[in-house]
Amino acid sequence: MGVDPSAELGQTHLAVLRGERETSEARAAPGRLPAQLTSFVGRQEELRLLAGLLESARLVTVVGPGGVGKTRLVVEAMSRHRAHRRGRARLVSLAAVNTADGLVEAVLGTLSLAGSPPVGTPLERVVTLLAGGEGVLVLDNCEQISGAVAEFAGQLLQRQPDLAILATSREPLEVMGEALCRLGPLDLPPVDAGPDRASASAAVRLFLDRTARLRPGRVDHGAGRRHRAPTRRTAAGPGAGRGTTADHRWRCSAPRPSCTAAPERSNAPIKSSIEWRRSPASCTGRPGPPPSG
């Protein structure tokens, strides 16, 4: 163009060439949570507990067996948290991670934007990307590498005073200052409960909600074709004895919804939990928790 660069531009160019000035500032990807395809039912006490724990503790772990709803609970809790509204809540799934290096890479994969990554060790890069104010990092499915997660979380919290970590695991991480939210199955109605009382149970409401999605508009209370609702006895499955179901009935104008659509996928958390409980030491490197009573 026949125009010489200004003196200021020339100095900036020299500083970049000498490594005295970064070409761009490392920034983290904006926070986001996975979109949910179903409604959230029950767990109001647990939501209140998590909200309180996140105000008083920097490391909170939701502990419970596989398939009990830990991930769904933390996503719902974080969707209501101020960090999510500010774009500072991020969820990292560790279900497929089984090494310490893979843990850090999974976190970096969630945080990093395309372009120039921050400099330093992988941990230093995570610390840099999480800078910028209050935030919550959700580490989901930590049980198979709980030892590595515990060490990583401890180091990260020491270097980022504005950060909180919310984890899900089948066992506690055993880090100093860790607060626990123990999650069990949804409460079932008594076996002698009437329809109105049974419908107030979160477990029954969840059952009705999911069944209605399979057969929209065809499931309601009343007489006629009878289906068993979950009870304390029948929920245990075949061989556990027959529960009293006279007052736990639903009418369905169509045949019973098929349970064969995706059995392997729907039962995966339960099967995974059973396999993990059989050999917990091989997954975590530590003795497993004592059997519950």
Protein backbone atom coordinates (compact mmCIF):
# COMPACT_ATOMS: atom_id res chain seq x y z
CA MET A 1 0.00 0.00 0.00
CA GLY A 2 3.07 2.26 0.26
CA VAL A 3 2.31 3.20 3.89
CA ASP A 4 4.89 2.55 6.63
CA PRO A 5 3.61 1.03 9.92
CA SER A 6 3.43 3.37 12.88
CA ALA A 7 6.15 3.37 15.53
CA GLU A 8 3.72 1.82 18.08
CA LEU A 9 2.82 -1.02 15.71
CA GLY A 10 6.50 -1.65 15.00
CA GLN A 11 7.29 -1.90 18.72
CA THR A 12 4.39 -4.30 19.25
CA HIS A 13 5.65 -6.47 16.39
CA LEU A 14 9.14 -6.64 17.87
CA ALA A 15 7.76 -7.49 21.34
CA VAL A 16 5.80 -10.42 19.90
CA LEU A 17 8.85 -11.71 18.00
CA ARG A 18 10.97 -11.53 21.16
CA GLY A 19 8.33 -13.38 23.20
CA GLU A 20 7.82 -10.36 25.44
CA ARG A 21 4.12 -10.13 24.69
CA GLU A 22 1.43 -12.76 24.31
CA THR A 23 -0.36 -12.79 20.98
CA SER A 24 -3.68 -13.46 22.68
CA GLU A 25 -5.04 -13.98 26.16
CA ALA A 26 -6.14 -17.52 27.00
CA ARG A 27 -9.87 -17.70 27.59
CA ALA A 28 -12.09 -20.56 28.69
CA ALA A 29 -15.11 -21.73 26.76
CA PRO A 30 -18.36 -20.33 28.19
CA GLY A 31 -20.02 -22.55 30.75
CA ARG A 32 -22.88 -24.77 29.73
CA LEU A 33 -24.85 -27.70 31.09
CA PRO A 34 -26.25 -30.65 29.14
CA ALA A 35 -29.82 -30.16 27.98
CA GLN A 36 -32.30 -32.47 29.69
CA LEU A 37 -34.92 -34.38 27.72
CA THR A 38 -37.22 -35.21 30.64
CA SER A 39 -38.81 -33.36 33.55
CA PHE A 40 -37.24 -33.28 37.00
CA VAL A 41 -39.37 -35.02 39.64
CA GLY A 42 -38.92 -34.88 43.42
CA ARG A 43 -35.60 -34.40 45.23
CA GLN A 44 -36.59 -31.00 46.63
CA GLU A 45 -34.86 -31.63 49.95
CA GLU A 46 -31.69 -32.71 48.18
CA LEU A 47 -31.79 -29.57 46.01
CA ARG A 48 -32.03 -27.38 49.09
CA LEU A 49 -29.21 -29.32 50.75
CA LEU A 50 -26.94 -28.93 47.71
CA ALA A 51 -27.68 -25.21 47.46
CA GLY A 52 -26.68 -24.77 51.11
CA LEU A 53 -23.56 -26.92 50.81
CA LEU A 54 -22.35 -24.96 47.79
CA GLU A 55 -22.55 -21.80 49.88
CA SER A 56 -20.54 -23.22 52.78
CA ALA A 57 -18.11 -25.72 51.20
CA ARG A 58 -15.80 -25.59 48.20
CA LEU A 59 -15.87 -29.33 47.50
CA VAL A 60 -19.25 -31.08 47.53
CA THR A 61 -19.68 -34.72 46.52
CA VAL A 62 -23.01 -36.34 45.74
CA VAL A 63 -22.59 -39.99 46.77
CA GLY A 64 -24.91 -42.85 45.83
CA PRO A 65 -25.22 -46.11 43.90
CA GLY A 66 -25.20 -46.20 40.12
CA GLY A 67 -28.47 -45.23 38.47
CA VAL A 68 -29.91 -43.45 41.51
CA GLY A 69 -29.95 -40.05 39.76
CA LYS A 70 -26.76 -38.27 40.87
CA THR A 71 -26.03 -36.65 37.51
CA ARG A 72 -29.63 -35.52 37.02
CA LEU A 73 -29.66 -33.97 40.48
CA VAL A 74 -26.44 -31.97 40.05
CA VAL A 75 -27.47 -30.70 36.61
CA GLU A 76 -30.77 -29.49 38.06
CA ALA A 77 -29.01 -27.92 41.04
CA MET A 78 -26.48 -26.13 38.84
CA SER A 79 -29.17 -24.88 36.45
CA ARG A 80 -30.51 -22.88 39.41
CA HIS A 81 -27.12 -21.65 40.64
CA ARG A 82 -25.86 -18.14 40.00
CA ALA A 83 -22.64 -19.50 38.45
CA HIS A 84 -24.69 -20.97 35.61
CA ARG A 85 -26.44 -17.67 34.96
CA ARG A 86 -23.00 -16.02 34.69
CA GLY A 87 -21.68 -18.69 32.33
CA ARG A 88 -19.30 -19.98 35.01
CA ALA A 89 -20.66 -23.52 35.57
CA ARG A 90 -19.07 -26.33 33.59
CA LEU A 91 -19.70 -30.08 33.66
CA VAL A 92 -17.03 -32.64 32.76
CA SER A 93 -18.09 -36.27 32.33
CA LEU A 94 -15.45 -38.74 33.52
CA ALA A 95 -17.39 -41.92 32.73
CA ALA A 96 -14.87 -42.96 30.05
CA VAL A 97 -11.76 -41.73 31.91
CA ASN A 98 -9.56 -44.17 33.83
CA THR A 99 -6.20 -42.40 34.22
CA ALA A 100 -4.96 -39.24 35.92
CA ASP A 101 -3.70 -37.84 32.61
CA GLY A 102 -7.05 -38.56 31.00
CA LEU A 103 -8.77 -36.65 33.83
CA VAL A 104 -6.84 -33.44 33.17
CA GLU A 105 -7.26 -33.80 29.41
CA ALA A 106 -11.02 -34.25 29.83
CA VAL A 107 -11.22 -31.04 31.87
CA LEU A 108 -9.08 -29.16 29.34
CA GLY A 109 -11.26 -30.46 26.52
CA THR A 110 -14.30 -28.90 28.17
CA LEU A 111 -12.64 -25.61 29.06
CA SER A 112 -10.48 -24.88 26.00
CA LEU A 113 -11.47 -22.74 23.05
CA ALA A 114 -10.04 -23.13 19.58
CA GLY A 115 -6.92 -21.04 19.17
CA SER A 116 -3.82 -20.50 21.26
CA PRO A 117 -3.94 -22.61 24.45
CA PRO A 118 -2.50 -21.25 27.69
CA VAL A 119 1.09 -22.12 28.51
CA GLY A 120 2.35 -24.30 31.37
CA THR A 121 1.69 -27.77 32.68
CA PRO A 122 -1.76 -29.30 32.15
CA LEU A 123 -2.74 -28.38 35.72
CA GLU A 124 -1.48 -24.80 35.27
CA ARG A 125 -3.48 -24.53 32.06
CA VAL A 126 -6.65 -25.63 33.87
CA VAL A 127 -5.98 -23.07 36.63
CA THR A 128 -5.52 -20.33 34.04
CA LEU A 129 -8.71 -21.20 32.18
CA LEU A 130 -10.75 -21.24 35.39
CA ALA A 131 -9.57 -17.80 36.46
CA GLY A 132 -11.89 -14.83 36.28
CA GLY A 133 -14.15 -14.99 39.30
CA GLU A 134 -16.53 -17.32 41.07
CA GLY A 135 -17.25 -20.56 39.24
CA VAL A 136 -18.30 -24.17 39.74
CA LEU A 137 -16.64 -27.15 38.08
CA VAL A 138 -18.78 -30.30 38.03
CA LEU A 139 -16.85 -33.58 37.84
CA ASP A 140 -19.33 -36.33 37.01
CA ASN A 141 -18.77 -40.08 37.53
CA CYS A 142 -15.57 -39.99 39.58
CA GLU A 143 -15.67 -43.44 41.18
CA GLN A 144 -13.30 -45.31 38.84
CA ILE A 145 -10.53 -42.74 39.39
CA SER A 146 -11.55 -41.30 42.76
CA GLY A 147 -7.94 -41.17 43.99
CA ALA A 148 -6.79 -39.11 41.01
CA VAL A 149 -9.85 -36.86 41.26
CA ALA A 150 -9.19 -36.26 44.96
CA GLU A 151 -5.61 -35.16 44.28
CA PHE A 152 -6.60 -33.04 41.28
CA ALA A 153 -9.44 -31.35 43.17
CA GLY A 154 -7.21 -30.57 46.15
CA GLN A 155 -4.54 -28.93 43.98
CA LEU A 156 -7.09 -27.02 41.93
CA LEU A 157 -8.91 -25.61 44.96
CA GLN A 158 -5.63 -24.45 46.51
CA ARG A 159 -4.72 -22.49 43.37
CA GLN A 160 -8.17 -21.10 42.56
CA PRO A 161 -9.74 -19.53 45.67
CA ASP A 162 -12.90 -18.49 43.79
CA LEU A 163 -13.62 -22.02 42.52
CA ALA A 164 -15.98 -24.64 43.92
CA ILE A 165 -16.07 -28.28 42.77
CA LEU A 166 -19.24 -30.38 42.69
CA ALA A 167 -18.56 -34.08 42.13
CA THR A 168 -20.63 -37.22 41.75
CA SER A 169 -19.28 -40.59 42.83
CA ARG A 170 -20.27 -43.92 44.31
CA GLU A 171 -17.89 -43.24 47.20
CA PRO A 172 -16.54 -40.11 48.91
CA LEU A 173 -13.34 -38.56 47.56
CA GLU A 174 -11.94 -38.30 51.10
CA VAL A 175 -10.49 -34.81 50.68
CA MET A 176 -10.19 -32.51 53.68
CA GLY A 177 -13.12 -30.10 53.73
CA GLU A 178 -15.31 -32.31 51.52
CA ALA A 179 -19.06 -32.02 52.16
CA LEU A 180 -21.26 -35.01 51.30
CA CYS A 181 -24.77 -35.26 49.95
CA ARG A 182 -25.78 -38.92 50.19
CA LEU A 183 -28.41 -39.89 47.64
CA GLY A 184 -30.73 -42.87 47.95
CA PRO A 185 -33.73 -44.11 45.96
CA LEU A 186 -36.88 -42.01 45.84
CA ASP A 187 -39.28 -42.71 48.70
CA LEU A 188 -42.04 -45.20 47.95
CA PRO A 189 -45.58 -45.00 49.36
CA PRO A 190 -46.71 -47.47 52.03
CA VAL A 191 -48.22 -50.68 50.69
CA ASP A 192 -51.62 -49.73 52.11
CA ALA A 193 -51.69 -46.20 50.66
CA GLY A 194 -54.70 -45.12 48.63
CA PRO A 195 -54.43 -43.60 45.14
CA ASP A 196 -54.23 -40.00 46.37
CA ARG A 197 -51.53 -40.72 48.90
CA ALA A 198 -49.62 -42.90 46.47
CA SER A 199 -49.68 -40.14 43.85
CA ALA A 200 -47.97 -37.80 46.30
CA SER A 201 -44.91 -40.08 46.33
CA ALA A 202 -42.03 -38.87 44.18
CA ALA A 203 -41.34 -42.43 43.02
CA VAL A 204 -44.93 -42.87 41.80
CA ARG A 205 -44.98 -39.43 40.18
CA LEU A 206 -41.78 -40.31 38.32
CA PHE A 207 -43.32 -43.63 37.27
CA LEU A 208 -46.46 -41.90 35.99
CA ASP A 209 -44.49 -39.18 34.22
CA ARG A 210 -42.27 -41.61 32.32
CA THR A 211 -45.16 -43.97 31.53
CA ALA A 212 -47.28 -41.09 30.22
CA ARG A 213 -44.46 -40.21 27.83
CA LEU A 214 -44.57 -43.71 26.38
CA ARG A 215 -48.38 -43.64 26.01
CA PRO A 216 -49.43 -39.94 26.03
CA GLY A 217 -52.89 -39.33 27.41
CA ARG A 218 -53.57 -43.00 28.11
CA VAL A 219 -52.51 -43.46 31.71
CA ASP A 220 -54.57 -42.25 34.67
CA HIS A 221 -55.92 -43.32 38.03
CA GLY A 222 -59.02 -45.42 38.33
CA ALA A 223 -60.49 -48.82 37.82
CA GLY A 224 -60.44 -50.88 34.68
CA ARG A 225 -57.23 -52.34 33.30
CA ARG A 226 -54.90 -52.59 36.31
CA HIS A 227 -51.19 -52.01 36.53
CA ARG A 228 -49.09 -52.29 39.62
CA ALA A 229 -47.50 -49.17 41.01
CA PRO A 230 -44.10 -49.35 42.73
CA THR A 231 -44.39 -50.40 46.38
CA ARG A 232 -41.80 -51.19 49.01
CA ARG A 233 -42.14 -54.89 48.22
CA THR A 234 -42.77 -55.00 44.50
CA ALA A 235 -39.97 -52.48 43.74
CA ALA A 236 -37.42 -55.07 44.82
CA GLY A 237 -38.23 -57.14 41.75
CA PRO A 238 -39.12 -60.80 41.18
CA GLY A 239 -38.56 -63.08 44.13
CA ALA A 240 -38.94 -60.36 46.74
CA GLY A 241 -42.51 -61.31 47.61
CA ARG A 242 -45.79 -59.87 46.44
CA GLY A 243 -46.73 -56.46 47.75
CA THR A 244 -50.26 -55.30 48.40
CA THR A 245 -51.27 -53.47 45.24
CA ALA A 246 -55.05 -53.28 45.53
CA ASP A 247 -55.00 -49.51 45.89
CA HIS A 248 -52.06 -48.89 43.52
CA ARG A 249 -53.81 -49.15 40.19
CA TRP A 250 -53.79 -47.36 36.90
CA ARG A 251 -56.06 -47.67 33.89
CA CYS A 252 -54.46 -47.89 30.45
CA SER A 253 -56.56 -48.04 27.29
CA ALA A 254 -53.65 -49.45 25.28
CA PRO A 255 -51.50 -52.53 25.87
CA ARG A 256 -48.80 -52.28 28.50
CA PRO A 257 -45.87 -50.15 27.24
CA SER A 258 -43.06 -52.25 25.87
CA CYS A 259 -39.98 -52.54 28.06
CA THR A 260 -37.78 -53.89 25.28
CA ALA A 261 -36.97 -50.66 23.41
CA ALA A 262 -33.43 -50.28 24.73
CA PRO A 263 -32.81 -52.67 27.64
CA GLU A 264 -29.03 -52.55 27.51
CA ARG A 265 -28.90 -48.75 27.51
CA SER A 266 -31.57 -48.27 30.18
CA ASN A 267 -30.00 -50.85 32.51
CA ALA A 268 -26.41 -49.73 31.91
CA PRO A 269 -26.04 -47.67 35.14
CA ILE A 270 -27.34 -50.55 37.26
CA LYS A 271 -25.15 -53.15 35.56
CA SER A 272 -22.16 -50.84 35.87
CA SER A 273 -22.86 -50.35 39.55
CA ILE A 274 -23.04 -54.11 40.15
CA GLU A 275 -19.75 -54.73 38.36
CA TRP A 276 -18.08 -51.88 40.25
CA ARG A 277 -19.27 -53.21 43.61
CA ARG A 278 -17.84 -56.63 42.81
CA SER A 279 -14.28 -55.32 42.53
CA PRO A 280 -14.02 -51.76 43.94
CA ALA A 281 -10.30 -52.02 44.72
CA SER A 282 -9.42 -52.65 41.06
CA CYS A 283 -11.18 -49.42 40.09
CA THR A 284 -9.95 -47.03 42.75
CA GLY A 285 -6.72 -48.50 44.02
CA ARG A 286 -8.19 -48.38 47.55
CA PRO A 287 -10.20 -50.92 49.54
CA GLY A 288 -13.89 -50.64 48.87
CA PRO A 289 -16.37 -49.32 51.43
CA PRO A 290 -17.81 -51.84 53.89
CA PRO A 291 -21.07 -53.48 52.81
CA SER A 292 -24.14 -51.57 53.93
CA GLY A 293 -26.46 -53.15 56.40
